[in-house]
Amino acid sequence: MIRKPGLWIAALGLVIGMLWSEPSRAGVRVYVKVPPPPVIVETAPPPPSPRHVWIGGYHRWDGRTYVWVPGRYEVPRRHYKVWVPGHWAQHRRGWYWVEGRWR
């Protein structure tokens, strides 16, 4: 039992934050029975600077249907140069999203 009010509030905030966070960020895999639609081929506009890297768009699941998230430019994090795109992977329970990452 947590007896100090400050610790109780911090623990409650942590639990609420975990429940409200994106499933993929919380380490929870959400399976979708419907396969994702084909990826939309985007034409990247000119980059804002030579340091910017294009990150292509993707379909995300909103709980009822797939929604297209358009691509964007980002500056790579320190010591990273290559963006490994996210993708939908198939499993016997359905489809799940694998987050993109810097490498």
PDB file of N, CA and C in Angstrom:
ATOM      1  N   MET A   1       0.844  -1.176   0.000  1.00  0.00           N
ATOM      2  CA  MET A   1       0.000   0.000   0.000  1.00  0.00           C
ATOM      3  C   MET A   1       0.884   1.231   0.000  1.00  0.00           C
ATOM      4  N   ILE A   2       0.581   2.174  -0.872  1.00  0.00           N
ATOM      5  CA  ILE A   2       1.335   3.416  -0.948  1.00  0.00           C
ATOM      6  C   ILE A   2       0.697   4.403   0.024  1.00  0.00           C
ATOM      7  N   ARG A   3       1.498   4.889   0.994  1.00  0.00           N
ATOM      8  CA  ARG A   3       0.943   5.754   2.033  1.00  0.00           C
ATOM      9  C   ARG A   3       1.198   7.233   1.775  1.00  0.00           C
ATOM     10  N   LYS A   4       2.216   7.570   1.014  1.00  0.00           N
ATOM     11  CA  LYS A   4       2.511   8.973   0.752  1.00  0.00           C
ATOM     12  C   LYS A   4       1.664   9.459  -0.417  1.00  0.00           C
ATOM     13  N   PRO A   5       0.947  10.586  -0.243  1.00  0.00           N
ATOM     14  CA  PRO A   5       0.066  11.078  -1.317  1.00  0.00           C
ATOM     15  C   PRO A   5       0.809  11.341  -2.625  1.00  0.00           C
ATOM     16  N   GLY A   6       2.019  11.853  -2.563  1.00  0.00           N
ATOM     17  CA  GLY A   6       2.785  12.140  -3.780  1.00  0.00           C
ATOM     18  C   GLY A   6       3.076  10.876  -4.571  1.00  0.00           C
ATOM     19  N   LEU A   7       3.442   9.810  -3.882  1.00  0.00           N
ATOM     20  CA  LEU A   7       3.710   8.542  -4.561  1.00  0.00           C
ATOM     21  C   LEU A   7       2.431   7.947  -5.135  1.00  0.00           C
ATOM     22  N   TRP A   8       1.334   8.082  -4.410  1.00  0.00           N
ATOM     23  CA  TRP A   8       0.046   7.576  -4.884  1.00  0.00           C
ATOM     24  C   TRP A   8      -0.357   8.288  -6.178  1.00  0.00           C
ATOM     25  N   ILE A   9      -0.213   9.598  -6.220  1.00  0.00           N
ATOM     26  CA  ILE A   9      -0.563  10.374  -7.410  1.00  0.00           C
ATOM     27  C   ILE A   9       0.355  10.004  -8.577  1.00  0.00           C
ATOM     28  N   ALA A  10       1.641   9.842  -8.301  1.00  0.00           N
ATOM     29  CA  ALA A  10       2.585   9.461  -9.357  1.00  0.00           C
ATOM     30  C   ALA A  10       2.242   8.078  -9.916  1.00  0.00           C
ATOM     31  N   ALA A  11       1.920   7.134  -9.040  1.00  0.00           N
ATOM     32  CA  ALA A  11       1.578   5.784  -9.499  1.00  0.00           C
ATOM     33  C   ALA A  11       0.289   5.807 -10.323  1.00  0.00           C
ATOM     34  N   LEU A  12      -0.692   6.572  -9.888  1.00  0.00           N
ATOM     35  CA  LEU A  12      -1.946   6.685 -10.625  1.00  0.00           C
ATOM     36  C   LEU A  12      -1.705   7.317 -11.994  1.00  0.00           C
ATOM     37  N   GLY A  13      -0.865   8.357 -12.045  1.00  0.00           N
ATOM     38  CA  GLY A  13      -0.528   8.994 -13.321  1.00  0.00           C
ATOM     39  C   GLY A  13       0.161   8.037 -14.267  1.00  0.00           C
ATOM     40  N   LEU A  14       1.038   7.200 -13.738  1.00  0.00           N
ATOM     41  CA  LEU A  14       1.733   6.209 -14.561  1.00  0.00           C
ATOM     42  C   LEU A  14       0.753   5.209 -15.158  1.00  0.00           C
ATOM     43  N   VAL A  15      -0.173   4.717 -14.364  1.00  0.00           N
ATOM     44  CA  VAL A  15      -1.165   3.755 -14.855  1.00  0.00           C
ATOM     45  C   VAL A  15      -2.052   4.392 -15.916  1.00  0.00           C
ATOM     46  N   ILE A  16      -2.522   5.603 -15.670  1.00  0.00           N
ATOM     47  CA  ILE A  16      -3.376   6.290 -16.649  1.00  0.00           C
ATOM     48  C   ILE A  16      -2.603   6.527 -17.935  1.00  0.00           C
ATOM     49  N   GLY A  17      -1.341   6.947 -17.826  1.00  0.00           N
ATOM     50  CA  GLY A  17      -0.519   7.168 -19.011  1.00  0.00           C
ATOM     51  C   GLY A  17      -0.333   5.899 -19.824  1.00  0.00           C
ATOM     52  N   MET A  18      -0.154   4.782 -19.157  1.00  0.00           N
ATOM     53  CA  MET A  18       0.004   3.512 -19.869  1.00  0.00           C
ATOM     54  C   MET A  18      -1.287   3.134 -20.591  1.00  0.00           C
ATOM     55  N   LEU A  19      -2.421   3.379 -19.978  1.00  0.00           N
ATOM     56  CA  LEU A  19      -3.692   3.037 -20.598  1.00  0.00           C
ATOM     57  C   LEU A  19      -4.005   3.935 -21.786  1.00  0.00           C
ATOM     58  N   TRP A  20      -3.589   5.190 -21.741  1.00  0.00           N
ATOM     59  CA  TRP A  20      -3.894   6.127 -22.815  1.00  0.00           C
ATOM     60  C   TRP A  20      -2.847   6.154 -23.901  1.00  0.00           C
ATOM     61  N   SER A  21      -1.720   5.520 -23.714  1.00  0.00           N
ATOM     62  CA  SER A  21      -0.663   5.563 -24.719  1.00  0.00           C
ATOM     63  C   SER A  21      -1.043   4.722 -25.931  1.00  0.00           C
ATOM     64  N   GLU A  22      -0.369   4.977 -27.044  1.00  0.00           N
ATOM     65  CA  GLU A  22      -0.615   4.184 -28.249  1.00  0.00           C
ATOM     66  C   GLU A  22      -0.288   2.732 -27.952  1.00  0.00           C
ATOM     67  N   PRO A  23      -1.086   1.795 -28.469  1.00  0.00           N
ATOM     68  CA  PRO A  23      -0.822   0.386 -28.187  1.00  0.00           C
ATOM     69  C   PRO A  23       0.578  -0.043 -28.590  1.00  0.00           C
ATOM     70  N   SER A  24       1.072   0.403 -29.755  1.00  0.00           N
ATOM     71  CA  SER A  24       2.388  -0.042 -30.191  1.00  0.00           C
ATOM     72  C   SER A  24       3.474   0.507 -29.279  1.00  0.00           C
ATOM     73  N   ARG A  25       3.299   1.691 -28.742  1.00  0.00           N
ATOM     74  CA  ARG A  25       4.290   2.272 -27.845  1.00  0.00           C
ATOM     75  C   ARG A  25       4.233   1.613 -26.467  1.00  0.00           C
ATOM     76  N   ALA A  26       3.076   1.116 -26.089  1.00  0.00           N
ATOM     77  CA  ALA A  26       2.939   0.480 -24.789  1.00  0.00           C
ATOM     78  C   ALA A  26       3.372  -0.984 -24.843  1.00  0.00           C
ATOM     79  N   GLY A  27       3.773  -1.472 -26.024  1.00  0.00           N
ATOM     80  CA  GLY A  27       4.203  -2.852 -26.158  1.00  0.00           C
ATOM     81  C   GLY A  27       3.054  -3.829 -26.332  1.00  0.00           C
ATOM     82  N   VAL A  28       1.865  -3.328 -26.580  1.00  0.00           N
ATOM     83  CA  VAL A  28       0.699  -4.177 -26.782  1.00  0.00           C
ATOM     84  C   VAL A  28       0.468  -4.320 -28.282  1.00  0.00           C
ATOM     85  N   ARG A  29       0.342  -5.520 -28.739  1.00  0.00           N
ATOM     86  CA  ARG A  29       0.090  -5.773 -30.157  1.00  0.00           C
ATOM     87  C   ARG A  29      -1.406  -5.862 -30.394  1.00  0.00           C
ATOM     88  N   VAL A  30      -1.914  -4.999 -31.272  1.00  0.00           N
ATOM     89  CA  VAL A  30      -3.333  -5.000 -31.623  1.00  0.00           C
ATOM     90  C   VAL A  30      -3.476  -5.730 -32.955  1.00  0.00           C
ATOM     91  N   TYR A  31      -4.318  -6.754 -32.977  1.00  0.00           N
ATOM     92  CA  TYR A  31      -4.535  -7.529 -34.198  1.00  0.00           C
ATOM     93  C   TYR A  31      -5.800  -7.050 -34.902  1.00  0.00           C
ATOM     94  N   VAL A  32      -5.697  -6.929 -36.223  1.00  0.00           N
ATOM     95  CA  VAL A  32      -6.811  -6.489 -37.051  1.00  0.00           C
ATOM     96  C   VAL A  32      -7.149  -7.636 -37.992  1.00  0.00           C
ATOM     97  N   LYS A  33      -8.406  -8.021 -38.041  1.00  0.00           N
ATOM     98  CA  LYS A  33      -8.821  -9.152 -38.890  1.00  0.00           C
ATOM     99  C   LYS A  33      -8.816  -8.803 -40.374  1.00  0.00           C
ATOM    100  N   VAL A  34      -9.021  -7.532 -40.701  1.00  0.00           N
ATOM    101  CA  VAL A  34      -9.090  -7.078 -42.092  1.00  0.00           C
ATOM    102  C   VAL A  34      -7.688  -6.728 -42.587  1.00  0.00           C
ATOM    103  N   PRO A  35      -7.268  -7.269 -43.743  1.00  0.00           N
ATOM    104  CA  PRO A  35      -5.925  -6.918 -44.231  1.00  0.00           C
ATOM    105  C   PRO A  35      -5.845  -5.437 -44.608  1.00  0.00           C
ATOM    106  N   PRO A  36      -4.654  -4.851 -44.484  1.00  0.00           N
ATOM    107  CA  PRO A  36      -4.520  -3.429 -44.828  1.00  0.00           C
ATOM    108  C   PRO A  36      -4.648  -3.213 -46.332  1.00  0.00           C
ATOM    109  N   PRO A  37      -5.129  -2.033 -46.728  1.00  0.00           N
ATOM    110  CA  PRO A  37      -5.192  -1.726 -48.158  1.00  0.00           C
ATOM    111  C   PRO A  37      -3.781  -1.526 -48.713  1.00  0.00           C
ATOM    112  N   PRO A  38      -3.648  -1.518 -50.039  1.00  0.00           N
ATOM    113  CA  PRO A  38      -2.323  -1.282 -50.618  1.00  0.00           C
ATOM    114  C   PRO A  38      -1.780   0.087 -50.198  1.00  0.00           C
ATOM    115  N   VAL A  39      -0.481   0.154 -50.056  1.00  0.00           N
ATOM    116  CA  VAL A  39       0.172   1.412 -49.693  1.00  0.00           C
ATOM    117  C   VAL A  39      -0.046   2.421 -50.820  1.00  0.00           C
ATOM    118  N   ILE A  40      -0.316   3.646 -50.464  1.00  0.00           N
ATOM    119  CA  ILE A  40      -0.482   4.713 -51.443  1.00  0.00           C
ATOM    120  C   ILE A  40       0.907   5.227 -51.813  1.00  0.00           C
ATOM    121  N   VAL A  41       1.184   5.278 -53.104  1.00  0.00           N
ATOM    122  CA  VAL A  41       2.486   5.767 -53.557  1.00  0.00           C
ATOM    123  C   VAL A  41       2.446   7.289 -53.544  1.00  0.00           C
ATOM    124  N   GLU A  42       3.334   7.885 -52.763  1.00  0.00           N
ATOM    125  CA  GLU A  42       3.377   9.334 -52.628  1.00  0.00           C
ATOM    126  C   GLU A  42       4.581   9.894 -53.391  1.00  0.00           C
ATOM    127  N   THR A  43       4.425  11.088 -53.903  1.00  0.00           N
ATOM    128  CA  THR A  43       5.548  11.808 -54.482  1.00  0.00           C
ATOM    129  C   THR A  43       6.006  12.799 -53.426  1.00  0.00           C
ATOM    130  N   ALA A  44       7.235  12.614 -52.976  1.00  0.00           N
ATOM    131  CA  ALA A  44       7.753  13.477 -51.921  1.00  0.00           C
ATOM    132  C   ALA A  44       8.040  14.871 -52.475  1.00  0.00           C
ATOM    133  N   PRO A  45       7.598  15.909 -51.778  1.00  0.00           N
ATOM    134  CA  PRO A  45       7.949  17.263 -52.199  1.00  0.00           C
ATOM    135  C   PRO A  45       9.437  17.509 -51.938  1.00  0.00           C
ATOM    136  N   PRO A  46       9.983  18.599 -52.454  1.00  0.00           N
ATOM    137  CA  PRO A  46      11.396  18.879 -52.184  1.00  0.00           C
ATOM    138  C   PRO A  46      11.651  18.981 -50.677  1.00  0.00           C
ATOM    139  N   PRO A  47      12.783  18.459 -50.217  1.00  0.00           N
ATOM    140  CA  PRO A  47      13.062  18.503 -48.778  1.00  0.00           C
ATOM    141  C   PRO A  47      13.325  19.924 -48.294  1.00  0.00           C
ATOM    142  N   PRO A  48      12.979  20.192 -47.030  1.00  0.00           N
ATOM    143  CA  PRO A  48      13.229  21.522 -46.470  1.00  0.00           C
ATOM    144  C   PRO A  48      14.724  21.852 -46.357  1.00  0.00           C
ATOM    145  N   SER A  49      15.549  20.802 -46.213  1.00  0.00           N
ATOM    146  CA  SER A  49      17.002  20.988 -46.131  1.00  0.00           C
ATOM    147  C   SER A  49      17.666  19.687 -46.557  1.00  0.00           C
ATOM    148  N   PRO A  50      18.976  19.727 -46.839  1.00  0.00           N
ATOM    149  CA  PRO A  50      19.679  18.481 -47.206  1.00  0.00           C
ATOM    150  C   PRO A  50      19.707  17.444 -46.077  1.00  0.00           C
ATOM    151  N   ARG A  51      19.491  17.871 -44.847  1.00  0.00           N
ATOM    152  CA  ARG A  51      19.527  16.948 -43.702  1.00  0.00           C
ATOM    153  C   ARG A  51      18.234  16.149 -43.548  1.00  0.00           C
ATOM    154  N   HIS A  52      17.144  16.621 -44.130  1.00  0.00           N
ATOM    155  CA  HIS A  52      15.842  15.974 -43.955  1.00  0.00           C
ATOM    156  C   HIS A  52      15.739  14.671 -44.757  1.00  0.00           C
ATOM    157  N   VAL A  53      15.058  13.690 -44.151  1.00  0.00           N
ATOM    158  CA  VAL A  53      14.831  12.378 -44.766  1.00  0.00           C
ATOM    159  C   VAL A  53      13.319  12.175 -44.895  1.00  0.00           C
ATOM    160  N   TRP A  54      12.901  11.679 -46.058  1.00  0.00           N
ATOM    161  CA  TRP A  54      11.479  11.417 -46.286  1.00  0.00           C
ATOM    162  C   TRP A  54      11.052  10.147 -45.573  1.00  0.00           C
ATOM    163  N   ILE A  55       9.960  10.244 -44.836  1.00  0.00           N
ATOM    164  CA  ILE A  55       9.354   9.087 -44.173  1.00  0.00           C
ATOM    165  C   ILE A  55       7.986   8.908 -44.821  1.00  0.00           C
ATOM    166  N   GLY A  56       7.831   7.821 -45.564  1.00  0.00           N
ATOM    167  CA  GLY A  56       6.604   7.586 -46.320  1.00  0.00           C
ATOM    168  C   GLY A  56       5.387   7.381 -45.438  1.00  0.00           C
ATOM    169  N   GLY A  57       4.230   7.619 -46.020  1.00  0.00           N
ATOM    170  CA  GLY A  57       2.977   7.454 -45.293  1.00  0.00           C
ATOM    171  C   GLY A  57       2.631   5.987 -45.067  1.00  0.00           C
ATOM    172  N   TYR A  58       1.600   5.775 -44.300  1.00  0.00           N
ATOM    173  CA  TYR A  58       1.179   4.413 -43.964  1.00  0.00           C
ATOM    174  C   TYR A  58      -0.292   4.413 -43.571  1.00  0.00           C
ATOM    175  N   HIS A  59      -0.890   3.243 -43.589  1.00  0.00           N
ATOM    176  CA  HIS A  59      -2.261   3.079 -43.101  1.00  0.00           C
ATOM    177  C   HIS A  59      -2.201   2.710 -41.621  1.00  0.00           C
ATOM    178  N   ARG A  60      -2.934   3.447 -40.821  1.00  0.00           N
ATOM    179  CA  ARG A  60      -3.056   3.076 -39.404  1.00  0.00           C
ATOM    180  C   ARG A  60      -4.484   2.606 -39.152  1.00  0.00           C
ATOM    181  N   TRP A  61      -4.648   1.793 -38.147  1.00  0.00           N
ATOM    182  CA  TRP A  61      -5.963   1.274 -37.770  1.00  0.00           C
ATOM    183  C   TRP A  61      -6.534   2.178 -36.698  1.00  0.00           C
ATOM    184  N   ASP A  62      -7.744   2.715 -36.898  1.00  0.00           N
ATOM    185  CA  ASP A  62      -8.334   3.618 -35.908  1.00  0.00           C
ATOM    186  C   ASP A  62      -9.356   2.922 -35.009  1.00  0.00           C
ATOM    187  N   GLY A  63      -9.413   1.604 -35.084  1.00  0.00           N
ATOM    188  CA  GLY A  63     -10.372   0.844 -34.273  1.00  0.00           C
ATOM    189  C   GLY A  63     -11.565   0.367 -35.064  1.00  0.00           C
ATOM    190  N   ARG A  64     -11.801   1.007 -36.236  1.00  0.00           N
ATOM    191  CA  ARG A  64     -12.917   0.601 -37.092  1.00  0.00           C
ATOM    192  C   ARG A  64     -12.501   0.419 -38.542  1.00  0.00           C
ATOM    193  N   THR A  65     -11.531   1.214 -38.985  1.00  0.00           N
ATOM    194  CA  THR A  65     -11.109   1.187 -40.384  1.00  0.00           C
ATOM    195  C   THR A  65      -9.664   1.671 -40.490  1.00  0.00           C
ATOM    196  N   TYR A  66      -9.075   1.458 -41.659  1.00  0.00           N
ATOM    197  CA  TYR A  66      -7.737   1.965 -41.904  1.00  0.00           C
ATOM    198  C   TYR A  66      -7.815   3.427 -42.334  1.00  0.00           C
ATOM    199  N   VAL A  67      -6.897   4.226 -41.837  1.00  0.00           N
ATOM    200  CA  VAL A  67      -6.819   5.645 -42.159  1.00  0.00           C
ATOM    201  C   VAL A  67      -5.411   5.932 -42.667  1.00  0.00           C
ATOM    202  N   TRP A  68      -5.310   6.652 -43.794  1.00  0.00           N
ATOM    203  CA  TRP A  68      -4.000   6.971 -44.360  1.00  0.00           C
ATOM    204  C   TRP A  68      -3.359   8.124 -43.596  1.00  0.00           C
ATOM    205  N   VAL A  69      -2.103   7.913 -43.182  1.00  0.00           N
ATOM    206  CA  VAL A  69      -1.295   8.948 -42.548  1.00  0.00           C
ATOM    207  C   VAL A  69      -0.255   9.360 -43.581  1.00  0.00           C
ATOM    208  N   PRO A  70      -0.310  10.618 -44.064  1.00  0.00           N
ATOM    209  CA  PRO A  70       0.617  11.026 -45.127  1.00  0.00           C
ATOM    210  C   PRO A  70       2.070  11.055 -44.664  1.00  0.00           C
ATOM    211  N   GLY A  71       2.973  10.925 -45.650  1.00  0.00           N
ATOM    212  CA  GLY A  71       4.398  10.973 -45.357  1.00  0.00           C
ATOM    213  C   GLY A  71       4.833  12.357 -44.902  1.00  0.00           C
ATOM    214  N   ARG A  72       6.063  12.421 -44.414  1.00  0.00           N
ATOM    215  CA  ARG A  72       6.598  13.669 -43.877  1.00  0.00           C
ATOM    216  C   ARG A  72       8.120  13.638 -43.913  1.00  0.00           C
ATOM    217  N   TYR A  73       8.712  14.775 -43.769  1.00  0.00           N
ATOM    218  CA  TYR A  73      10.164  14.865 -43.639  1.00  0.00           C
ATOM    219  C   TYR A  73      10.529  14.965 -42.169  1.00  0.00           C
ATOM    220  N   GLU A  74      11.662  14.352 -41.811  1.00  0.00           N
ATOM    221  CA  GLU A  74      12.219  14.470 -40.464  1.00  0.00           C
ATOM    222  C   GLU A  74      13.729  14.564 -40.569  1.00  0.00           C
ATOM    223  N   VAL A  75      14.322  15.195 -39.578  1.00  0.00           N
ATOM    224  CA  VAL A  75      15.775  15.205 -39.466  1.00  0.00           C
ATOM    225  C   VAL A  75      16.137  13.985 -38.626  1.00  0.00           C
ATOM    226  N   PRO A  76      17.051  13.139 -39.119  1.00  0.00           N
ATOM    227  CA  PRO A  76      17.408  11.943 -38.340  1.00  0.00           C
ATOM    228  C   PRO A  76      17.935  12.295 -36.955  1.00  0.00           C
ATOM    229  N   ARG A  77      17.639  11.437 -36.018  1.00  0.00           N
ATOM    230  CA  ARG A  77      18.197  11.594 -34.681  1.00  0.00           C
ATOM    231  C   ARG A  77      19.707  11.440 -34.755  1.00  0.00           C
ATOM    232  N   ARG A  78      20.362  11.926 -33.754  1.00  0.00           N
ATOM    233  CA  ARG A  78      21.826  11.866 -33.722  1.00  0.00           C
ATOM    234  C   ARG A  78      22.320  10.430 -33.901  1.00  0.00           C
ATOM    235  N   HIS A  79      23.319  10.262 -34.740  1.00  0.00           N
ATOM    236  CA  HIS A  79      23.973   8.966 -35.022  1.00  0.00           C
ATOM    237  C   HIS A  79      23.119   8.023 -35.868  1.00  0.00           C
ATOM    238  N   TYR A  80      21.972   8.463 -36.340  1.00  0.00           N
ATOM    239  CA  TYR A  80      21.132   7.636 -37.197  1.00  0.00           C
ATOM    240  C   TYR A  80      21.060   8.271 -38.581  1.00  0.00           C
ATOM    241  N   LYS A  81      20.983   7.454 -39.607  1.00  0.00           N
ATOM    242  CA  LYS A  81      20.965   7.971 -40.973  1.00  0.00           C
ATOM    243  C   LYS A  81      19.830   7.397 -41.815  1.00  0.00           C
ATOM    244  N   VAL A  82      19.404   6.166 -41.509  1.00  0.00           N
ATOM    245  CA  VAL A  82      18.456   5.460 -42.371  1.00  0.00           C
ATOM    246  C   VAL A  82      17.145   5.222 -41.629  1.00  0.00           C
ATOM    247  N   TRP A  83      16.036   5.494 -42.322  1.00  0.00           N
ATOM    248  CA  TRP A  83      14.712   5.211 -41.777  1.00  0.00           C
ATOM    249  C   TRP A  83      14.268   3.845 -42.280  1.00  0.00           C
ATOM    250  N   VAL A  84      13.947   2.943 -41.379  1.00  0.00           N
ATOM    251  CA  VAL A  84      13.389   1.629 -41.729  1.00  0.00           C
ATOM    252  C   VAL A  84      11.879   1.774 -41.596  1.00  0.00           C
ATOM    253  N   PRO A  85      11.156   1.707 -42.724  1.00  0.00           N
ATOM    254  CA  PRO A  85       9.710   1.970 -42.671  1.00  0.00           C
ATOM    255  C   PRO A  85       8.944   0.950 -41.843  1.00  0.00           C
ATOM    256  N   GLY A  86       7.855   1.418 -41.250  1.00  0.00           N
ATOM    257  CA  GLY A  86       6.941   0.512 -40.562  1.00  0.00           C
ATOM    258  C   GLY A  86       6.170  -0.302 -41.592  1.00  0.00           C
ATOM    259  N   HIS A  87       5.562  -1.371 -41.139  1.00  0.00           N
ATOM    260  CA  HIS A  87       4.799  -2.215 -42.064  1.00  0.00           C
ATOM    261  C   HIS A  87       3.796  -3.066 -41.286  1.00  0.00           C
ATOM    262  N   TRP A  88       2.798  -3.542 -42.007  1.00  0.00           N
ATOM    263  CA  TRP A  88       1.823  -4.462 -41.439  1.00  0.00           C
ATOM    264  C   TRP A  88       2.334  -5.885 -41.625  1.00  0.00           C
ATOM    265  N   ALA A  89       2.308  -6.672 -40.569  1.00  0.00           N
ATOM    266  CA  ALA A  89       2.746  -8.069 -40.623  1.00  0.00           C
ATOM    267  C   ALA A  89       1.544  -8.968 -40.345  1.00  0.00           C
ATOM    268  N   GLN A  90       1.531 -10.109 -41.012  1.00  0.00           N
ATOM    269  CA  GLN A  90       0.419 -11.045 -40.835  1.00  0.00           C
ATOM    270  C   GLN A  90       0.778 -12.094 -39.798  1.00  0.00           C
ATOM    271  N   HIS A  91      -0.211 -12.427 -38.993  1.00  0.00           N
ATOM    272  CA  HIS A  91      -0.082 -13.424 -37.931  1.00  0.00           C
ATOM    273  C   HIS A  91      -1.345 -14.266 -37.979  1.00  0.00           C
ATOM    274  N   ARG A  92      -1.355 -15.406 -37.366  1.00  0.00           N
ATOM    275  CA  ARG A  92      -2.562 -16.252 -37.395  1.00  0.00           C
ATOM    276  C   ARG A  92      -3.756 -15.561 -36.743  1.00  0.00           C
ATOM    277  N   ARG A  93      -3.497 -14.587 -35.851  1.00  0.00           N
ATOM    278  CA  ARG A  93      -4.591 -13.863 -35.189  1.00  0.00           C
ATOM    279  C   ARG A  93      -5.064 -12.647 -35.987  1.00  0.00           C
ATOM    280  N   GLY A  94      -4.341 -12.308 -37.054  1.00  0.00           N
ATOM    281  CA  GLY A  94      -4.710 -11.148 -37.859  1.00  0.00           C
ATOM    282  C   GLY A  94      -3.477 -10.357 -38.265  1.00  0.00           C
ATOM    283  N   TRP A  95      -3.671  -9.108 -38.582  1.00  0.00           N
ATOM    284  CA  TRP A  95      -2.591  -8.211 -38.987  1.00  0.00           C
ATOM    285  C   TRP A  95      -2.218  -7.314 -37.822  1.00  0.00           C
ATOM    286  N   TYR A  96      -0.924  -7.004 -37.682  1.00  0.00           N
ATOM    287  CA  TYR A  96      -0.478  -6.081 -36.640  1.00  0.00           C
ATOM    288  C   TYR A  96       0.583  -5.149 -37.214  1.00  0.00           C
ATOM    289  N   TRP A  97       0.688  -3.957 -36.626  1.00  0.00           N
ATOM    290  CA  TRP A  97       1.602  -2.931 -37.111  1.00  0.00           C
ATOM    291  C   TRP A  97       2.973  -3.056 -36.445  1.00  0.00           C
ATOM    292  N   VAL A  98       4.016  -2.994 -37.267  1.00  0.00           N
ATOM    293  CA  VAL A  98       5.404  -2.976 -36.799  1.00  0.00           C
ATOM    294  C   VAL A  98       5.903  -1.555 -37.038  1.00  0.00           C
ATOM    295  N   GLU A  99       6.242  -0.853 -35.964  1.00  0.00           N
ATOM    296  CA  GLU A  99       6.673   0.548 -36.050  1.00  0.00           C
ATOM    297  C   GLU A  99       7.934   0.706 -36.891  1.00  0.00           C
ATOM    298  N   GLY A 100       8.003   1.829 -37.611  1.00  0.00           N
ATOM    299  CA  GLY A 100       9.234   2.200 -38.290  1.00  0.00           C
ATOM    300  C   GLY A 100      10.256   2.673 -37.259  1.00  0.00           C
ATOM    301  N   ARG A 101      11.527   2.724 -37.662  1.00  0.00           N
ATOM    302  CA  ARG A 101      12.560   3.136 -36.702  1.00  0.00           C
ATOM    303  C   ARG A 101      13.781   3.684 -37.434  1.00  0.00           C
ATOM    304  N   TRP A 102      14.549   4.452 -36.724  1.00  0.00           N
ATOM    305  CA  TRP A 102      15.820   4.942 -37.258  1.00  0.00           C
ATOM    306  C   TRP A 102      16.898   3.901 -37.042  1.00  0.00           C
ATOM    307  N   ARG A 103      17.801   3.792 -38.018  1.00  0.00           N
ATOM    308  CA  ARG A 103      18.920   2.855 -37.887  1.00  0.00           C
ATOM    309  C   ARG A 103      20.188   3.597 -38.249  1.00  0.00           C
TER     310      ARG A 103
END
